[in-house]
Structure formats: structure tokens, C-alpha cells
N, C-alpha and C. Protein backbone atom coordinates (compact mmCIF):
# COMPACT_ATOMS: atom_id res chain seq x y z
N MET A 1 56.87 73.61 -63.32
CA MET A 1 56.09 74.08 -64.46
C MET A 1 56.14 73.03 -65.57
N ALA A 2 55.00 72.75 -66.15
CA ALA A 2 54.93 71.74 -67.21
C ALA A 2 55.62 72.24 -68.47
N GLY A 3 56.30 71.35 -69.16
CA GLY A 3 56.93 71.71 -70.42
C GLY A 3 55.91 71.87 -71.53
N TYR A 4 56.33 72.57 -72.58
CA TYR A 4 55.42 72.83 -73.71
C TYR A 4 54.91 71.53 -74.32
N ASN A 5 55.79 70.54 -74.43
CA ASN A 5 55.40 69.29 -75.07
C ASN A 5 54.30 68.55 -74.31
N THR A 6 54.17 68.85 -73.03
CA THR A 6 53.11 68.20 -72.27
C THR A 6 51.79 68.97 -72.36
N LEU A 7 51.83 70.16 -72.95
CA LEU A 7 50.63 70.99 -73.05
C LEU A 7 50.00 70.97 -74.44
N SER A 8 50.82 70.77 -75.47
CA SER A 8 50.30 70.89 -76.84
C SER A 8 49.64 69.59 -77.29
N GLY A 9 48.67 69.76 -78.17
CA GLY A 9 48.02 68.60 -78.79
C GLY A 9 47.10 67.82 -77.89
N ARG A 10 46.59 68.44 -76.82
CA ARG A 10 45.79 67.69 -75.86
C ARG A 10 44.29 67.77 -76.14
N ASP A 11 43.88 68.63 -77.05
CA ASP A 11 42.45 68.81 -77.31
C ASP A 11 42.02 67.85 -78.43
N LEU A 12 41.42 66.75 -78.05
CA LEU A 12 41.03 65.72 -79.00
C LEU A 12 39.95 66.22 -79.96
N GLU A 13 39.06 67.07 -79.48
CA GLU A 13 37.98 67.56 -80.33
C GLU A 13 38.52 68.44 -81.45
N ARG A 14 39.52 69.25 -81.17
CA ARG A 14 40.12 70.07 -82.23
C ARG A 14 40.79 69.20 -83.28
N ILE A 15 41.39 68.11 -82.87
CA ILE A 15 42.01 67.19 -83.82
C ILE A 15 40.94 66.59 -84.73
N ARG A 16 39.81 66.21 -84.15
CA ARG A 16 38.71 65.67 -84.96
C ARG A 16 38.22 66.70 -85.97
N VAL A 17 38.04 67.93 -85.52
CA VAL A 17 37.54 68.99 -86.40
C VAL A 17 38.53 69.26 -87.54
N LEU A 18 39.82 69.29 -87.20
CA LEU A 18 40.83 69.49 -88.24
C LEU A 18 40.79 68.36 -89.26
N ALA A 19 40.69 67.13 -88.78
CA ALA A 19 40.64 65.98 -89.69
C ALA A 19 39.44 66.09 -90.62
N ASP A 20 38.29 66.44 -90.08
CA ASP A 20 37.10 66.59 -90.92
C ASP A 20 37.30 67.66 -91.98
N GLY A 21 37.89 68.79 -91.57
CA GLY A 21 38.11 69.87 -92.52
C GLY A 21 39.06 69.50 -93.64
N VAL A 22 40.16 68.82 -93.29
CA VAL A 22 41.14 68.42 -94.30
C VAL A 22 40.54 67.41 -95.27
N PHE A 23 39.79 66.45 -94.74
CA PHE A 23 39.14 65.48 -95.62
C PHE A 23 38.14 66.17 -96.55
N ALA A 24 37.39 67.13 -96.03
CA ALA A 24 36.40 67.84 -96.86
C ALA A 24 37.08 68.57 -98.00
N VAL A 25 38.21 69.24 -97.71
CA VAL A 25 38.93 69.97 -98.75
C VAL A 25 39.51 69.00 -99.78
N ALA A 26 40.13 67.92 -99.31
CA ALA A 26 40.73 66.94 -100.23
C ALA A 26 39.68 66.32 -101.13
N MET A 27 38.52 65.98 -100.58
CA MET A 27 37.44 65.41 -101.39
C MET A 27 36.94 66.40 -102.42
N THR A 28 36.91 67.66 -102.05
CA THR A 28 36.47 68.70 -103.00
C THR A 28 37.50 68.89 -104.11
N LEU A 29 38.79 68.87 -103.76
CA LEU A 29 39.83 69.05 -104.76
C LEU A 29 39.79 67.96 -105.82
N LEU A 30 39.36 66.77 -105.44
CA LEU A 30 39.31 65.67 -106.40
C LEU A 30 38.46 66.01 -107.61
N VAL A 31 37.36 66.70 -107.39
CA VAL A 31 36.41 66.94 -108.48
C VAL A 31 36.91 68.02 -109.44
N LEU A 32 37.92 68.78 -109.04
CA LEU A 32 38.41 69.85 -109.90
C LEU A 32 39.08 69.34 -111.17
N ASP A 33 39.47 68.07 -111.18
CA ASP A 33 40.06 67.48 -112.38
C ASP A 33 39.01 67.11 -113.41
N LEU A 34 37.74 67.16 -113.01
CA LEU A 34 36.66 66.83 -113.95
C LEU A 34 36.22 68.09 -114.67
N ARG A 35 36.78 68.34 -115.82
CA ARG A 35 36.41 69.52 -116.59
C ARG A 35 36.50 69.21 -118.08
N LEU A 36 35.55 69.74 -118.82
CA LEU A 36 35.54 69.56 -120.27
C LEU A 36 36.51 70.54 -120.92
N PRO A 37 37.02 70.20 -122.11
CA PRO A 37 37.89 71.14 -122.83
C PRO A 37 37.16 72.45 -123.10
N ALA A 38 37.91 73.55 -123.08
CA ALA A 38 37.31 74.86 -123.37
C ALA A 38 36.90 74.93 -124.83
N GLY A 39 35.88 75.73 -125.10
CA GLY A 39 35.44 75.92 -126.47
C GLY A 39 34.00 75.50 -126.68
N GLU A 40 33.48 75.89 -127.82
CA GLU A 40 32.10 75.58 -128.16
C GLU A 40 31.94 74.09 -128.51
N VAL A 41 30.78 73.55 -128.18
CA VAL A 41 30.44 72.17 -128.53
C VAL A 41 29.35 72.23 -129.59
N ALA A 42 29.61 71.62 -130.75
CA ALA A 42 28.70 71.78 -131.89
C ALA A 42 27.36 71.09 -131.67
N ASP A 43 27.38 69.89 -131.11
CA ASP A 43 26.14 69.15 -130.97
C ASP A 43 26.25 68.15 -129.82
N SER A 44 25.16 67.41 -129.60
CA SER A 44 25.15 66.44 -128.50
C SER A 44 26.16 65.33 -128.70
N GLY A 45 26.39 64.96 -129.96
CA GLY A 45 27.37 63.91 -130.24
C GLY A 45 28.76 64.32 -129.82
N ALA A 46 29.12 65.58 -130.10
CA ALA A 46 30.44 66.07 -129.70
C ALA A 46 30.55 66.14 -128.19
N LEU A 47 29.47 66.55 -127.53
CA LEU A 47 29.48 66.60 -126.07
C LEU A 47 29.62 65.20 -125.49
N ARG A 48 28.92 64.23 -126.10
CA ARG A 48 29.01 62.85 -125.65
C ARG A 48 30.45 62.33 -125.78
N ASP A 49 31.09 62.69 -126.88
CA ASP A 49 32.48 62.27 -127.08
C ASP A 49 33.40 62.87 -126.02
N GLN A 50 33.18 64.14 -125.70
CA GLN A 50 34.00 64.78 -124.69
C GLN A 50 33.78 64.15 -123.31
N LEU A 51 32.53 63.84 -123.01
CA LEU A 51 32.24 63.19 -121.73
C LEU A 51 32.87 61.82 -121.66
N GLY A 52 32.87 61.11 -122.81
CA GLY A 52 33.50 59.79 -122.85
C GLY A 52 34.99 59.86 -122.60
N GLU A 53 35.62 60.94 -123.07
CA GLU A 53 37.06 61.11 -122.86
C GLU A 53 37.41 61.39 -121.41
N LEU A 54 36.40 61.76 -120.61
CA LEU A 54 36.62 62.00 -119.19
C LEU A 54 36.60 60.71 -118.38
N GLY A 55 36.43 59.57 -119.04
CA GLY A 55 36.33 58.30 -118.34
C GLY A 55 37.42 58.07 -117.32
N PRO A 56 38.71 58.20 -117.66
CA PRO A 56 39.77 57.98 -116.68
C PRO A 56 39.69 58.93 -115.49
N GLU A 57 39.36 60.19 -115.75
CA GLU A 57 39.25 61.17 -114.66
C GLU A 57 38.09 60.82 -113.73
N ILE A 58 36.95 60.40 -114.32
CA ILE A 58 35.79 60.04 -113.50
C ILE A 58 36.10 58.81 -112.67
N ALA A 59 36.78 57.83 -113.27
CA ALA A 59 37.15 56.62 -112.54
C ALA A 59 38.09 56.94 -111.38
N ALA A 60 39.11 57.77 -111.64
CA ALA A 60 40.05 58.14 -110.59
C ALA A 60 39.35 58.93 -109.49
N TYR A 61 38.40 59.78 -109.87
CA TYR A 61 37.64 60.55 -108.88
C TYR A 61 36.82 59.63 -107.99
N ALA A 62 36.08 58.71 -108.60
CA ALA A 62 35.23 57.81 -107.81
C ALA A 62 36.08 56.92 -106.90
N LEU A 63 37.17 56.39 -107.43
CA LEU A 63 38.05 55.53 -106.62
C LEU A 63 38.62 56.31 -105.44
N SER A 64 39.12 57.51 -105.72
CA SER A 64 39.80 58.27 -104.67
C SER A 64 38.83 58.85 -103.66
N PHE A 65 37.63 59.24 -104.10
CA PHE A 65 36.64 59.75 -103.15
C PHE A 65 36.26 58.67 -102.15
N THR A 66 36.04 57.45 -102.66
CA THR A 66 35.68 56.36 -101.75
C THR A 66 36.87 55.95 -100.88
N MET A 67 38.09 56.05 -101.42
CA MET A 67 39.27 55.78 -100.60
C MET A 67 39.33 56.75 -99.42
N LEU A 68 39.15 58.03 -99.71
CA LEU A 68 39.17 59.02 -98.65
C LEU A 68 38.04 58.78 -97.66
N GLY A 69 36.88 58.38 -98.15
CA GLY A 69 35.78 58.06 -97.26
C GLY A 69 36.13 56.91 -96.33
N THR A 70 36.80 55.91 -96.86
CA THR A 70 37.21 54.76 -96.05
C THR A 70 38.20 55.17 -94.96
N PHE A 71 39.18 55.98 -95.33
CA PHE A 71 40.18 56.41 -94.35
C PHE A 71 39.58 57.40 -93.34
N TRP A 72 38.61 58.21 -93.77
CA TRP A 72 37.93 59.11 -92.84
C TRP A 72 37.19 58.32 -91.76
N LEU A 73 36.50 57.27 -92.19
CA LEU A 73 35.83 56.40 -91.22
C LEU A 73 36.84 55.75 -90.28
N ALA A 74 37.98 55.35 -90.84
CA ALA A 74 38.99 54.65 -90.03
C ALA A 74 39.60 55.57 -88.98
N VAL A 75 39.95 56.80 -89.36
CA VAL A 75 40.58 57.69 -88.38
C VAL A 75 39.60 58.04 -87.28
N HIS A 76 38.33 58.17 -87.60
CA HIS A 76 37.35 58.44 -86.56
C HIS A 76 37.14 57.20 -85.67
N ALA A 77 37.26 56.01 -86.26
CA ALA A 77 37.15 54.80 -85.45
C ALA A 77 38.25 54.77 -84.39
N VAL A 78 39.45 55.25 -84.75
CA VAL A 78 40.55 55.30 -83.79
C VAL A 78 40.32 56.41 -82.77
N LEU A 79 40.03 57.61 -83.24
CA LEU A 79 39.89 58.75 -82.33
C LEU A 79 38.69 58.59 -81.40
N ASP A 80 37.66 57.90 -81.85
CA ASP A 80 36.49 57.70 -81.00
C ASP A 80 36.80 56.80 -79.81
N GLN A 81 37.86 55.98 -79.92
CA GLN A 81 38.25 55.10 -78.81
C GLN A 81 39.17 55.80 -77.83
N ALA A 82 39.73 56.93 -78.25
CA ALA A 82 40.70 57.63 -77.40
C ALA A 82 39.98 58.43 -76.31
N ARG A 83 40.51 58.36 -75.10
CA ARG A 83 39.96 59.13 -73.98
C ARG A 83 40.55 60.53 -73.94
N GLY A 84 41.65 60.74 -74.62
CA GLY A 84 42.32 62.03 -74.64
C GLY A 84 43.38 62.04 -75.72
N SER A 85 44.17 63.10 -75.74
CA SER A 85 45.21 63.23 -76.76
C SER A 85 46.49 63.75 -76.12
N ASP A 86 47.56 63.65 -76.88
CA ASP A 86 48.83 64.26 -76.49
C ASP A 86 49.54 64.71 -77.76
N ARG A 87 50.73 65.25 -77.60
CA ARG A 87 51.44 65.83 -78.74
C ARG A 87 51.77 64.78 -79.80
N THR A 88 52.14 63.59 -79.38
CA THR A 88 52.48 62.54 -80.34
C THR A 88 51.28 62.10 -81.14
N LEU A 89 50.13 61.96 -80.49
CA LEU A 89 48.93 61.60 -81.24
C LEU A 89 48.57 62.69 -82.22
N ALA A 90 48.70 63.95 -81.79
CA ALA A 90 48.40 65.06 -82.69
C ALA A 90 49.29 65.01 -83.93
N TRP A 91 50.58 64.76 -83.74
CA TRP A 91 51.48 64.71 -84.88
C TRP A 91 51.26 63.47 -85.75
N SER A 92 50.84 62.38 -85.14
CA SER A 92 50.52 61.20 -85.96
C SER A 92 49.31 61.48 -86.85
N VAL A 93 48.33 62.21 -86.31
CA VAL A 93 47.17 62.57 -87.12
C VAL A 93 47.56 63.58 -88.20
N LEU A 94 48.42 64.56 -87.84
CA LEU A 94 48.86 65.54 -88.83
C LEU A 94 49.63 64.88 -89.97
N THR A 95 50.48 63.91 -89.63
CA THR A 95 51.21 63.17 -90.67
C THR A 95 50.24 62.42 -91.57
N PHE A 96 49.25 61.79 -90.97
CA PHE A 96 48.21 61.10 -91.72
C PHE A 96 47.49 62.07 -92.65
N LEU A 97 47.15 63.26 -92.14
CA LEU A 97 46.43 64.24 -92.94
C LEU A 97 47.29 64.80 -94.07
N PHE A 98 48.61 64.83 -93.87
CA PHE A 98 49.50 65.25 -94.96
C PHE A 98 49.28 64.37 -96.19
N PHE A 99 49.19 63.07 -95.96
CA PHE A 99 49.01 62.16 -97.09
C PHE A 99 47.56 62.15 -97.59
N VAL A 100 46.63 62.60 -96.76
CA VAL A 100 45.27 62.84 -97.27
C VAL A 100 45.30 63.95 -98.32
N THR A 101 46.06 65.00 -98.04
CA THR A 101 46.11 66.14 -98.97
C THR A 101 46.86 65.82 -100.25
N THR A 102 47.71 64.79 -100.25
CA THR A 102 48.44 64.45 -101.48
C THR A 102 47.65 63.50 -102.38
N LEU A 103 46.57 62.91 -101.87
CA LEU A 103 45.84 61.95 -102.69
C LEU A 103 45.21 62.59 -103.94
N PRO A 104 44.69 63.83 -103.89
CA PRO A 104 44.21 64.43 -105.14
C PRO A 104 45.29 64.51 -106.22
N PHE A 105 46.54 64.81 -105.83
CA PHE A 105 47.62 64.83 -106.81
C PHE A 105 47.88 63.43 -107.36
N SER A 106 47.96 62.44 -106.48
CA SER A 106 48.19 61.06 -106.92
C SER A 106 47.07 60.60 -107.84
N ALA A 107 45.84 60.99 -107.52
CA ALA A 107 44.70 60.61 -108.35
C ALA A 107 44.77 61.28 -109.72
N SER A 108 45.22 62.52 -109.75
CA SER A 108 45.36 63.23 -111.02
C SER A 108 46.41 62.57 -111.91
N VAL A 109 47.54 62.18 -111.30
CA VAL A 109 48.59 61.49 -112.07
C VAL A 109 48.06 60.16 -112.59
N LEU A 110 47.31 59.46 -111.75
CA LEU A 110 46.76 58.16 -112.17
C LEU A 110 45.79 58.33 -113.33
N ALA A 111 44.94 59.36 -113.28
CA ALA A 111 43.97 59.59 -114.34
C ALA A 111 44.65 59.94 -115.67
N ASP A 112 45.71 60.73 -115.59
CA ASP A 112 46.39 61.18 -116.81
C ASP A 112 47.36 60.14 -117.37
N HIS A 113 47.79 59.21 -116.53
CA HIS A 113 48.81 58.23 -116.97
C HIS A 113 48.43 56.83 -116.52
N ALA A 114 47.18 56.45 -116.73
CA ALA A 114 46.69 55.16 -116.26
C ALA A 114 47.42 53.99 -116.92
N HIS A 115 48.11 54.24 -118.01
CA HIS A 115 48.81 53.17 -118.72
C HIS A 115 50.24 52.96 -118.21
N LEU A 116 50.65 53.75 -117.22
CA LEU A 116 52.03 53.68 -116.74
C LEU A 116 52.10 53.04 -115.35
N ARG A 117 53.05 52.15 -115.17
CA ARG A 117 53.23 51.49 -113.88
C ARG A 117 53.61 52.47 -112.79
N LEU A 118 54.40 53.48 -113.15
CA LEU A 118 54.83 54.45 -112.14
C LEU A 118 53.64 55.20 -111.55
N ALA A 119 52.64 55.48 -112.36
CA ALA A 119 51.45 56.18 -111.86
C ALA A 119 50.72 55.32 -110.84
N VAL A 120 50.62 54.02 -111.11
CA VAL A 120 49.99 53.10 -110.16
C VAL A 120 50.83 53.01 -108.90
N ALA A 121 52.16 52.93 -109.05
CA ALA A 121 53.05 52.84 -107.89
C ALA A 121 52.93 54.08 -107.01
N LEU A 122 52.83 55.25 -107.63
CA LEU A 122 52.69 56.49 -106.86
C LEU A 122 51.39 56.49 -106.08
N TYR A 123 50.32 56.06 -106.73
CA TYR A 123 49.01 56.03 -106.06
C TYR A 123 49.03 55.03 -104.91
N TRP A 124 49.59 53.85 -105.15
CA TRP A 124 49.66 52.85 -104.08
C TRP A 124 50.53 53.34 -102.93
N ALA A 125 51.65 54.03 -103.24
CA ALA A 125 52.51 54.55 -102.19
C ALA A 125 51.75 55.54 -101.31
N ASN A 126 50.89 56.34 -101.92
CA ASN A 126 50.07 57.26 -101.15
C ASN A 126 49.14 56.50 -100.20
N LEU A 127 48.52 55.42 -100.69
CA LEU A 127 47.66 54.60 -99.84
C LEU A 127 48.46 53.95 -98.72
N ALA A 128 49.67 53.49 -99.04
CA ALA A 128 50.51 52.85 -98.04
C ALA A 128 50.89 53.83 -96.93
N MET A 129 51.18 55.08 -97.29
CA MET A 129 51.53 56.07 -96.28
C MET A 129 50.32 56.46 -95.43
N LEU A 130 49.15 56.47 -96.02
CA LEU A 130 47.93 56.67 -95.23
C LEU A 130 47.77 55.55 -94.21
N GLY A 131 48.02 54.32 -94.67
CA GLY A 131 47.96 53.19 -93.76
C GLY A 131 48.99 53.28 -92.65
N ALA A 132 50.20 53.75 -92.99
CA ALA A 132 51.25 53.89 -91.99
C ALA A 132 50.87 54.94 -90.95
N GLY A 133 50.27 56.04 -91.41
CA GLY A 133 49.84 57.08 -90.48
C GLY A 133 48.77 56.58 -89.54
N LEU A 134 47.85 55.79 -90.07
CA LEU A 134 46.80 55.22 -89.22
C LEU A 134 47.38 54.21 -88.24
N ALA A 135 48.35 53.42 -88.71
CA ALA A 135 48.99 52.44 -87.84
C ALA A 135 49.72 53.12 -86.69
N TRP A 136 50.36 54.26 -86.98
CA TRP A 136 51.04 55.03 -85.94
C TRP A 136 50.04 55.47 -84.87
N GLN A 137 48.87 55.93 -85.29
CA GLN A 137 47.84 56.34 -84.33
C GLN A 137 47.41 55.16 -83.46
N LEU A 138 47.16 54.02 -84.10
CA LEU A 138 46.74 52.84 -83.35
C LEU A 138 47.80 52.41 -82.35
N TRP A 139 49.05 52.41 -82.78
CA TRP A 139 50.15 52.00 -81.90
C TRP A 139 50.26 52.95 -80.72
N HIS A 140 50.14 54.26 -80.99
CA HIS A 140 50.38 55.22 -79.92
C HIS A 140 49.24 55.24 -78.90
N VAL A 141 48.00 55.18 -79.35
CA VAL A 141 46.91 55.25 -78.37
C VAL A 141 46.95 54.05 -77.42
N SER A 142 47.43 52.92 -77.94
CA SER A 142 47.56 51.74 -77.07
C SER A 142 48.77 51.88 -76.15
N ARG A 143 49.90 52.28 -76.70
CA ARG A 143 51.15 52.38 -75.93
C ARG A 143 51.04 53.44 -74.84
N ALA A 144 50.41 54.58 -75.17
CA ALA A 144 50.34 55.69 -74.22
C ALA A 144 49.15 55.60 -73.27
N GLY A 145 48.35 54.55 -73.41
CA GLY A 145 47.20 54.39 -72.54
C GLY A 145 46.10 55.39 -72.80
N LEU A 146 46.05 55.92 -74.04
CA LEU A 146 45.02 56.89 -74.39
C LEU A 146 43.70 56.20 -74.75
N ALA A 147 43.76 54.90 -74.98
CA ALA A 147 42.55 54.13 -75.30
C ALA A 147 42.70 52.75 -74.71
N GLU A 148 41.59 52.18 -74.34
CA GLU A 148 41.61 50.82 -73.79
C GLU A 148 41.82 49.82 -74.92
N GLU A 149 42.71 48.89 -74.72
CA GLU A 149 43.00 47.87 -75.73
C GLU A 149 41.87 46.85 -75.71
N GLY A 150 40.82 47.16 -76.44
CA GLY A 150 39.65 46.29 -76.46
C GLY A 150 39.35 45.81 -77.86
N GLU A 151 38.15 45.28 -78.03
CA GLU A 151 37.75 44.70 -79.30
C GLU A 151 37.76 45.71 -80.43
N ALA A 152 37.39 46.96 -80.13
CA ALA A 152 37.29 47.97 -81.18
C ALA A 152 38.64 48.21 -81.85
N LEU A 153 39.68 48.41 -81.05
CA LEU A 153 41.00 48.65 -81.63
C LEU A 153 41.52 47.43 -82.36
N VAL A 154 41.21 46.25 -81.86
CA VAL A 154 41.62 45.02 -82.53
C VAL A 154 40.97 44.93 -83.91
N LEU A 155 39.70 45.27 -83.99
CA LEU A 155 38.99 45.22 -85.26
C LEU A 155 39.56 46.23 -86.25
N VAL A 156 39.84 47.44 -85.78
CA VAL A 156 40.42 48.46 -86.66
C VAL A 156 41.79 48.01 -87.16
N ARG A 157 42.58 47.43 -86.25
CA ARG A 157 43.92 46.98 -86.62
C ARG A 157 43.85 45.86 -87.67
N ARG A 158 42.96 44.91 -87.46
CA ARG A 158 42.82 43.80 -88.42
C ARG A 158 42.37 44.32 -89.78
N ARG A 159 41.43 45.24 -89.78
CA ARG A 159 40.93 45.78 -91.04
C ARG A 159 42.01 46.56 -91.77
N LEU A 160 42.83 47.28 -91.02
CA LEU A 160 43.92 48.04 -91.63
C LEU A 160 44.92 47.10 -92.29
N VAL A 161 45.31 46.05 -91.58
CA VAL A 161 46.28 45.09 -92.14
C VAL A 161 45.71 44.43 -93.39
N LEU A 162 44.45 44.02 -93.34
CA LEU A 162 43.83 43.39 -94.50
C LEU A 162 43.77 44.35 -95.68
N ALA A 163 43.36 45.59 -95.42
CA ALA A 163 43.24 46.57 -96.49
C ALA A 163 44.58 46.83 -97.15
N GLN A 164 45.62 47.05 -96.35
CA GLN A 164 46.92 47.35 -96.93
C GLN A 164 47.48 46.16 -97.70
N ALA A 165 47.22 44.96 -97.22
CA ALA A 165 47.68 43.77 -97.94
C ALA A 165 46.98 43.65 -99.29
N LEU A 166 45.67 43.91 -99.32
CA LEU A 166 44.91 43.81 -100.57
C LEU A 166 45.27 44.93 -101.53
N TYR A 167 45.50 46.14 -101.01
CA TYR A 167 45.93 47.24 -101.88
C TYR A 167 47.28 46.92 -102.52
N ALA A 168 48.18 46.36 -101.73
CA ALA A 168 49.50 46.00 -102.27
C ALA A 168 49.39 44.91 -103.32
N ALA A 169 48.55 43.92 -103.06
CA ALA A 169 48.36 42.84 -104.03
C ALA A 169 47.78 43.37 -105.33
N ALA A 170 46.82 44.29 -105.21
CA ALA A 170 46.22 44.88 -106.42
C ALA A 170 47.25 45.69 -107.18
N ALA A 171 48.07 46.46 -106.46
CA ALA A 171 49.08 47.28 -107.12
C ALA A 171 50.11 46.43 -107.85
N LEU A 172 50.39 45.24 -107.33
CA LEU A 172 51.36 44.35 -107.99
C LEU A 172 50.89 43.89 -109.36
N LEU A 173 49.58 43.97 -109.58
CA LEU A 173 49.05 43.62 -110.90
C LEU A 173 49.59 44.54 -111.99
N ALA A 174 50.12 45.70 -111.57
CA ALA A 174 50.69 46.62 -112.56
C ALA A 174 51.87 46.01 -113.29
N LEU A 175 52.50 44.99 -112.69
CA LEU A 175 53.59 44.30 -113.39
C LEU A 175 53.07 43.61 -114.65
N LEU A 176 51.79 43.25 -114.63
CA LEU A 176 51.16 42.66 -115.82
C LEU A 176 50.47 43.72 -116.66
N SER A 177 49.70 44.57 -115.97
CA SER A 177 48.95 45.61 -116.67
C SER A 177 48.55 46.69 -115.67
N PRO A 178 48.94 47.96 -115.90
CA PRO A 178 48.53 49.04 -115.01
C PRO A 178 47.02 49.16 -114.90
N VAL A 179 46.32 48.96 -116.02
CA VAL A 179 44.86 49.05 -116.00
C VAL A 179 44.26 47.95 -115.12
N ALA A 180 44.85 46.75 -115.18
CA ALA A 180 44.39 45.66 -114.31
C ALA A 180 44.61 46.00 -112.85
N ALA A 181 45.72 46.67 -112.55
CA ALA A 181 45.98 47.08 -111.17
C ALA A 181 44.95 48.08 -110.68
N ILE A 182 44.58 49.02 -111.53
CA ILE A 182 43.56 50.00 -111.16
C ILE A 182 42.22 49.31 -110.92
N ALA A 183 41.89 48.38 -111.80
CA ALA A 183 40.65 47.61 -111.62
C ALA A 183 40.71 46.82 -110.32
N GLY A 184 41.88 46.26 -110.00
CA GLY A 184 42.04 45.52 -108.75
C GLY A 184 41.83 46.41 -107.54
N LEU A 185 42.39 47.61 -107.57
CA LEU A 185 42.19 48.56 -106.48
C LEU A 185 40.71 48.91 -106.33
N ALA A 186 40.03 49.07 -107.46
CA ALA A 186 38.60 49.39 -107.42
C ALA A 186 37.80 48.24 -106.80
N LEU A 187 38.17 47.01 -107.14
CA LEU A 187 37.47 45.85 -106.57
C LEU A 187 37.71 45.74 -105.07
N VAL A 188 38.95 45.99 -104.65
CA VAL A 188 39.25 45.96 -103.22
C VAL A 188 38.44 47.03 -102.50
N GLN A 189 38.39 48.23 -103.10
CA GLN A 189 37.63 49.30 -102.48
C GLN A 189 36.15 48.97 -102.40
N LEU A 190 35.62 48.37 -103.45
CA LEU A 190 34.22 47.97 -103.45
C LEU A 190 33.96 46.95 -102.35
N PHE A 191 34.90 46.04 -102.16
CA PHE A 191 34.76 45.04 -101.09
C PHE A 191 34.63 45.71 -99.73
N PHE A 192 35.49 46.70 -99.47
CA PHE A 192 35.45 47.35 -98.17
C PHE A 192 34.23 48.25 -98.01
N MET A 193 33.66 48.68 -99.10
CA MET A 193 32.45 49.48 -99.01
C MET A 193 31.23 48.63 -98.65
N VAL A 194 31.19 47.39 -99.13
CA VAL A 194 30.00 46.56 -98.91
C VAL A 194 30.23 45.45 -97.90
N SER A 195 31.47 45.19 -97.49
CA SER A 195 31.76 44.03 -96.66
C SER A 195 31.01 43.98 -95.34
N PRO A 196 30.74 45.12 -94.67
CA PRO A 196 29.98 44.99 -93.42
C PRO A 196 28.60 44.36 -93.59
N ARG A 197 28.07 44.36 -94.82
CA ARG A 197 26.74 43.83 -95.08
C ARG A 197 26.76 42.36 -95.50
N LEU A 198 27.96 41.82 -95.72
CA LEU A 198 28.04 40.44 -96.16
C LEU A 198 27.70 39.50 -95.00
N PRO A 199 26.92 38.44 -95.24
CA PRO A 199 26.46 37.56 -94.15
C PRO A 199 27.59 36.97 -93.33
N TRP A 200 28.72 36.58 -94.00
CA TRP A 200 29.77 35.90 -93.25
C TRP A 200 30.63 36.87 -92.46
N ARG A 201 30.38 38.18 -92.55
CA ARG A 201 31.14 39.16 -91.78
C ARG A 201 30.29 39.79 -90.69
N THR A 202 29.04 39.35 -90.55
CA THR A 202 28.17 39.91 -89.52
C THR A 202 28.15 39.00 -88.31
């Protein structure tokens, strides 16, 4: 009789559906930090001032939404190469999704304390753990023979290493200025959003 560990986590489609659901919830939670102060607004000028004060929250929302979009594409790039699943792959994805759910909190701390190095460090640590979870998936699908070690996995692996290196470099800017580090993270994210269209990467 097969042991429980050989039976659980074998449905790859359920793992994909769970990942999509968790990402959808996390992306939705991000927008909940965008709210105006309670109370009446006297005129358009006062409303404009209140909207201007939301600048850090809007920036953190945009940065984090695109971060989650990037990692959502990445996890599907890995799972799409897998021919099947097992318990270890399921847990590697669950660990990855745990840090997906913590990104709204990290983004909220960053928005409220953009001037503090610790806020940048917390946000970067969240990105690093997302990268570690994705790396675990890549390592396991290759080691367990769940996916063919071909060009696709090599490309995902290279992109992951490059992304984590650039995120770390941007976060180090917090030693000079936390705001510069946030701007650096935004530039790195913008690069990964448009890089497939750049001539030298096609």
C-alpha cells in the first residue's frame, strides 16, 4: 500500500488554481491601504491635498502589484514545465505563497515608513523569500524529474538570479537613502516589465 506522502500533492492543476487564488487575494489586499481620511472635504483643493498625501501608499501599491505580477508569471513559468507534482513541490509552492500573502503587510510598512531603512529591509527580505521559494521549485522539479531540464527552466533560473541580484543591489541603496532604495526597486521592476521588448533581449 502506498504511503500518504506518495499520494498527497500530486494534482498539479489544483496547485495552479490555489496559486492563482492566493495571488488574486494578495493583489486585492494591496489596494485596501489606499483610503482617504474620514470626514468631510470642504473643496477640491482640500481633496487634492489629501490625494497628494496618498503618494507613498500609491507608490507602494503600484510597486507591489507589479512585483506580484512578476512572481505570478514566474511561478506559472515553472509549473507549466512540470509534467506532474508531488508532495515536495506542493509544499515548495505553499511556502512561496506564504510570502505572497505577507507582501501586502511589507508594502504597508514601506508606505508608512518610507524614510526608514528597516522598512526597506523588511520589504527586500520579503522579495528574497519569494525568490527562495521559486528557487526551491526550480531545484525540485529538476531533481525529481518532474520537468525536463531544457531551455525554459534555464531561462527562468537565469532571470530569477538576475532579479534577486538587482533587488538586493537596489535595497543596499538604503544605506545612503531609503527613498533612493525604493526608487531603485521601482527601476528594477520597470526593467523586468519592459525587458522582453528590448531589442538586445529578443
